[in-house]
Amino acid sequence: MKNTKLRIVWIIANVFCYLMLFGLSMWVVAISEGLQEINRLSIYVLLMILLFLVSVFGSYRIWAWIKEGEM
């Protein structure tokens, strides 16, 4: 059980990434028409995709630690 504090921080950060993804998605859906008018909708969709990928990678890493018995 090396770096237990680091792994706890990793889990908390991963949860916050999912919360940010949910919040950003709700915000983008709410103002999508305005973002499309100023040609910024694609940038926010790209940010949502990147945030999703970061969250999934974090979840995969945590799952791998659990599977290896390190967590």
N, C-alpha and C. Protein backbone atom coordinates (compact mmCIF):
# COMPACT_ATOMS: atom_id res chain seq x y z
N MET A 1 0.83 -1.18 0.00
CA MET A 1 0.00 0.00 0.00
C MET A 1 0.87 1.25 0.00
N LYS A 2 1.67 1.40 -1.02
CA LYS A 2 2.50 2.58 -1.15
C LYS A 2 1.66 3.75 -1.66
N ASN A 3 2.04 4.94 -1.25
CA ASN A 3 1.41 6.18 -1.73
C ASN A 3 -0.11 6.18 -1.56
N THR A 4 -0.57 5.79 -0.40
CA THR A 4 -2.01 5.76 -0.14
C THR A 4 -2.63 7.14 -0.26
N LYS A 5 -1.95 8.15 0.25
CA LYS A 5 -2.48 9.52 0.17
C LYS A 5 -2.58 9.97 -1.27
N LEU A 6 -1.61 9.60 -2.08
CA LEU A 6 -1.64 9.97 -3.49
C LEU A 6 -2.83 9.32 -4.20
N ARG A 7 -3.12 8.09 -3.87
CA ARG A 7 -4.25 7.40 -4.50
C ARG A 7 -5.57 7.97 -4.05
N ILE A 8 -5.66 8.38 -2.79
CA ILE A 8 -6.88 9.02 -2.30
C ILE A 8 -7.10 10.33 -3.03
N VAL A 9 -6.04 11.09 -3.22
CA VAL A 9 -6.13 12.34 -3.97
C VAL A 9 -6.56 12.05 -5.40
N TRP A 10 -6.05 10.97 -6.00
CA TRP A 10 -6.40 10.59 -7.37
C TRP A 10 -7.90 10.28 -7.45
N ILE A 11 -8.44 9.57 -6.46
CA ILE A 11 -9.87 9.24 -6.45
C ILE A 11 -10.71 10.51 -6.31
N ILE A 12 -10.32 11.39 -5.41
CA ILE A 12 -11.07 12.64 -5.22
C ILE A 12 -11.02 13.48 -6.49
N ALA A 13 -9.87 13.57 -7.12
CA ALA A 13 -9.74 14.33 -8.36
C ALA A 13 -10.61 13.72 -9.46
N ASN A 14 -10.67 12.40 -9.50
CA ASN A 14 -11.48 11.73 -10.51
C ASN A 14 -12.97 12.02 -10.30
N VAL A 15 -13.41 12.01 -9.06
CA VAL A 15 -14.80 12.34 -8.76
C VAL A 15 -15.09 13.78 -9.19
N PHE A 16 -14.18 14.70 -8.90
CA PHE A 16 -14.38 16.09 -9.30
C PHE A 16 -14.38 16.24 -10.82
N CYS A 17 -13.59 15.44 -11.52
CA CYS A 17 -13.62 15.48 -12.99
C CYS A 17 -14.99 15.09 -13.51
N TYR A 18 -15.59 14.04 -12.94
CA TYR A 18 -16.94 13.66 -13.35
C TYR A 18 -17.96 14.75 -13.01
N LEU A 19 -17.81 15.37 -11.86
CA LEU A 19 -18.72 16.46 -11.49
C LEU A 19 -18.56 17.65 -12.45
N MET A 20 -17.32 17.98 -12.81
CA MET A 20 -17.09 19.06 -13.76
C MET A 20 -17.68 18.72 -15.12
N LEU A 21 -17.52 17.47 -15.54
CA LEU A 21 -18.08 17.03 -16.82
C LEU A 21 -19.60 17.18 -16.81
N PHE A 22 -20.23 16.76 -15.73
CA PHE A 22 -21.69 16.89 -15.62
C PHE A 22 -22.10 18.36 -15.63
N GLY A 23 -21.44 19.18 -14.86
CA GLY A 23 -21.76 20.60 -14.81
C GLY A 23 -21.54 21.29 -16.14
N LEU A 24 -20.42 21.01 -16.78
CA LEU A 24 -20.11 21.62 -18.07
C LEU A 24 -21.13 21.18 -19.12
N SER A 25 -21.51 19.91 -19.09
CA SER A 25 -22.50 19.41 -20.05
C SER A 25 -23.83 20.12 -19.88
N MET A 26 -24.26 20.26 -18.64
CA MET A 26 -25.53 20.95 -18.37
C MET A 26 -25.46 22.41 -18.83
N TRP A 27 -24.34 23.06 -18.58
CA TRP A 27 -24.17 24.46 -18.96
C TRP A 27 -24.17 24.62 -20.47
N VAL A 28 -23.45 23.74 -21.16
CA VAL A 28 -23.37 23.83 -22.62
C VAL A 28 -24.74 23.57 -23.24
N VAL A 29 -25.47 22.59 -22.72
CA VAL A 29 -26.81 22.32 -23.25
C VAL A 29 -27.72 23.52 -23.02
N ALA A 30 -27.61 24.16 -21.87
CA ALA A 30 -28.47 25.29 -21.55
C ALA A 30 -28.24 26.49 -22.46
N ILE A 31 -26.99 26.73 -22.85
CA ILE A 31 -26.70 27.91 -23.66
C ILE A 31 -26.14 27.55 -25.04
N SER A 32 -26.50 26.38 -25.53
CA SER A 32 -25.93 25.91 -26.81
C SER A 32 -26.27 26.84 -27.97
N GLU A 33 -27.46 27.41 -27.98
CA GLU A 33 -27.82 28.30 -29.08
C GLU A 33 -26.93 29.54 -29.10
N GLY A 34 -26.67 30.10 -27.94
CA GLY A 34 -25.80 31.27 -27.86
C GLY A 34 -24.38 30.95 -28.25
N LEU A 35 -23.89 29.78 -27.82
CA LEU A 35 -22.54 29.38 -28.20
C LEU A 35 -22.43 29.12 -29.70
N GLN A 36 -23.49 28.60 -30.28
CA GLN A 36 -23.47 28.35 -31.72
C GLN A 36 -23.48 29.66 -32.50
N GLU A 37 -24.17 30.65 -31.99
CA GLU A 37 -24.20 31.95 -32.66
C GLU A 37 -22.83 32.60 -32.71
N ILE A 38 -22.02 32.41 -31.67
CA ILE A 38 -20.70 33.04 -31.66
C ILE A 38 -19.60 32.04 -32.05
N ASN A 39 -20.00 30.91 -32.60
CA ASN A 39 -19.08 29.89 -33.12
C ASN A 39 -18.12 29.35 -32.06
N ARG A 40 -18.62 29.10 -30.87
CA ARG A 40 -17.81 28.55 -29.79
C ARG A 40 -18.31 27.19 -29.30
N LEU A 41 -19.40 26.71 -29.87
CA LEU A 41 -19.97 25.44 -29.44
C LEU A 41 -19.00 24.29 -29.66
N SER A 42 -18.29 24.28 -30.77
CA SER A 42 -17.36 23.19 -31.06
C SER A 42 -16.21 23.15 -30.05
N ILE A 43 -15.77 24.31 -29.59
CA ILE A 43 -14.68 24.35 -28.61
C ILE A 43 -15.13 23.72 -27.30
N TYR A 44 -16.36 24.04 -26.86
CA TYR A 44 -16.85 23.48 -25.61
C TYR A 44 -17.15 21.99 -25.72
N VAL A 45 -17.60 21.56 -26.88
CA VAL A 45 -17.82 20.12 -27.09
C VAL A 45 -16.47 19.40 -27.04
N LEU A 46 -15.45 19.98 -27.63
CA LEU A 46 -14.11 19.39 -27.57
C LEU A 46 -13.61 19.33 -26.12
N LEU A 47 -13.83 20.38 -25.35
CA LEU A 47 -13.45 20.37 -23.94
C LEU A 47 -14.19 19.28 -23.17
N MET A 48 -15.47 19.09 -23.49
CA MET A 48 -16.24 18.04 -22.83
C MET A 48 -15.69 16.66 -23.18
N ILE A 49 -15.31 16.45 -24.42
CA ILE A 49 -14.74 15.16 -24.84
C ILE A 49 -13.41 14.92 -24.13
N LEU A 50 -12.57 15.94 -24.06
CA LEU A 50 -11.28 15.79 -23.37
C LEU A 50 -11.47 15.51 -21.88
N LEU A 51 -12.39 16.20 -21.25
CA LEU A 51 -12.67 15.97 -19.84
C LEU A 51 -13.22 14.57 -19.61
N PHE A 52 -14.04 14.09 -20.54
CA PHE A 52 -14.54 12.72 -20.45
C PHE A 52 -13.40 11.71 -20.55
N LEU A 53 -12.48 11.93 -21.48
CA LEU A 53 -11.35 11.01 -21.64
C LEU A 53 -10.45 11.00 -20.41
N VAL A 54 -10.22 12.15 -19.82
CA VAL A 54 -9.42 12.23 -18.59
C VAL A 54 -10.12 11.48 -17.47
N SER A 55 -11.42 11.63 -17.36
CA SER A 55 -12.18 10.95 -16.31
C SER A 55 -12.15 9.43 -16.50
N VAL A 56 -12.32 8.99 -17.72
CA VAL A 56 -12.29 7.55 -17.99
C VAL A 56 -10.90 6.99 -17.72
N PHE A 57 -9.86 7.70 -18.11
CA PHE A 57 -8.50 7.23 -17.83
C PHE A 57 -8.26 7.12 -16.33
N GLY A 58 -8.73 8.10 -15.58
CA GLY A 58 -8.59 8.06 -14.12
C GLY A 58 -9.32 6.88 -13.53
N SER A 59 -10.53 6.62 -14.02
CA SER A 59 -11.29 5.47 -13.53
C SER A 59 -10.59 4.16 -13.88
N TYR A 60 -10.04 4.08 -15.09
CA TYR A 60 -9.31 2.88 -15.49
C TYR A 60 -8.09 2.67 -14.60
N ARG A 61 -7.39 3.72 -14.29
CA ARG A 61 -6.18 3.61 -13.45
C ARG A 61 -6.56 3.12 -12.05
N ILE A 62 -7.62 3.66 -11.50
CA ILE A 62 -8.07 3.23 -10.18
C ILE A 62 -8.50 1.77 -10.23
N TRP A 63 -9.23 1.39 -11.28
CA TRP A 63 -9.65 -0.01 -11.44
C TRP A 63 -8.43 -0.92 -11.54
N ALA A 64 -7.39 -0.50 -12.26
CA ALA A 64 -6.18 -1.31 -12.40
C ALA A 64 -5.49 -1.47 -11.04
N TRP A 65 -5.45 -0.42 -10.24
CA TRP A 65 -4.85 -0.53 -8.91
C TRP A 65 -5.62 -1.51 -8.05
N ILE A 66 -6.95 -1.47 -8.11
CA ILE A 66 -7.77 -2.39 -7.32
C ILE A 66 -7.52 -3.82 -7.79
N LYS A 67 -7.46 -4.02 -9.09
CA LYS A 67 -7.25 -5.36 -9.65
C LYS A 67 -5.87 -5.92 -9.26
N GLU A 68 -4.88 -5.06 -9.22
CA GLU A 68 -3.54 -5.48 -8.84
C GLU A 68 -3.39 -5.66 -7.33
N GLY A 69 -4.40 -5.25 -6.58
CA GLY A 69 -4.35 -5.38 -5.12
C GLY A 69 -3.53 -4.30 -4.46
N GLU A 70 -3.29 -3.22 -5.15
CA GLU A 70 -2.49 -2.13 -4.60
C GLU A 70 -3.35 -1.10 -3.89
N MET A 71 -4.65 -1.22 -4.02
CA MET A 71 -5.51 -0.22 -3.37
C MET A 71 -6.46 -0.89 -2.43
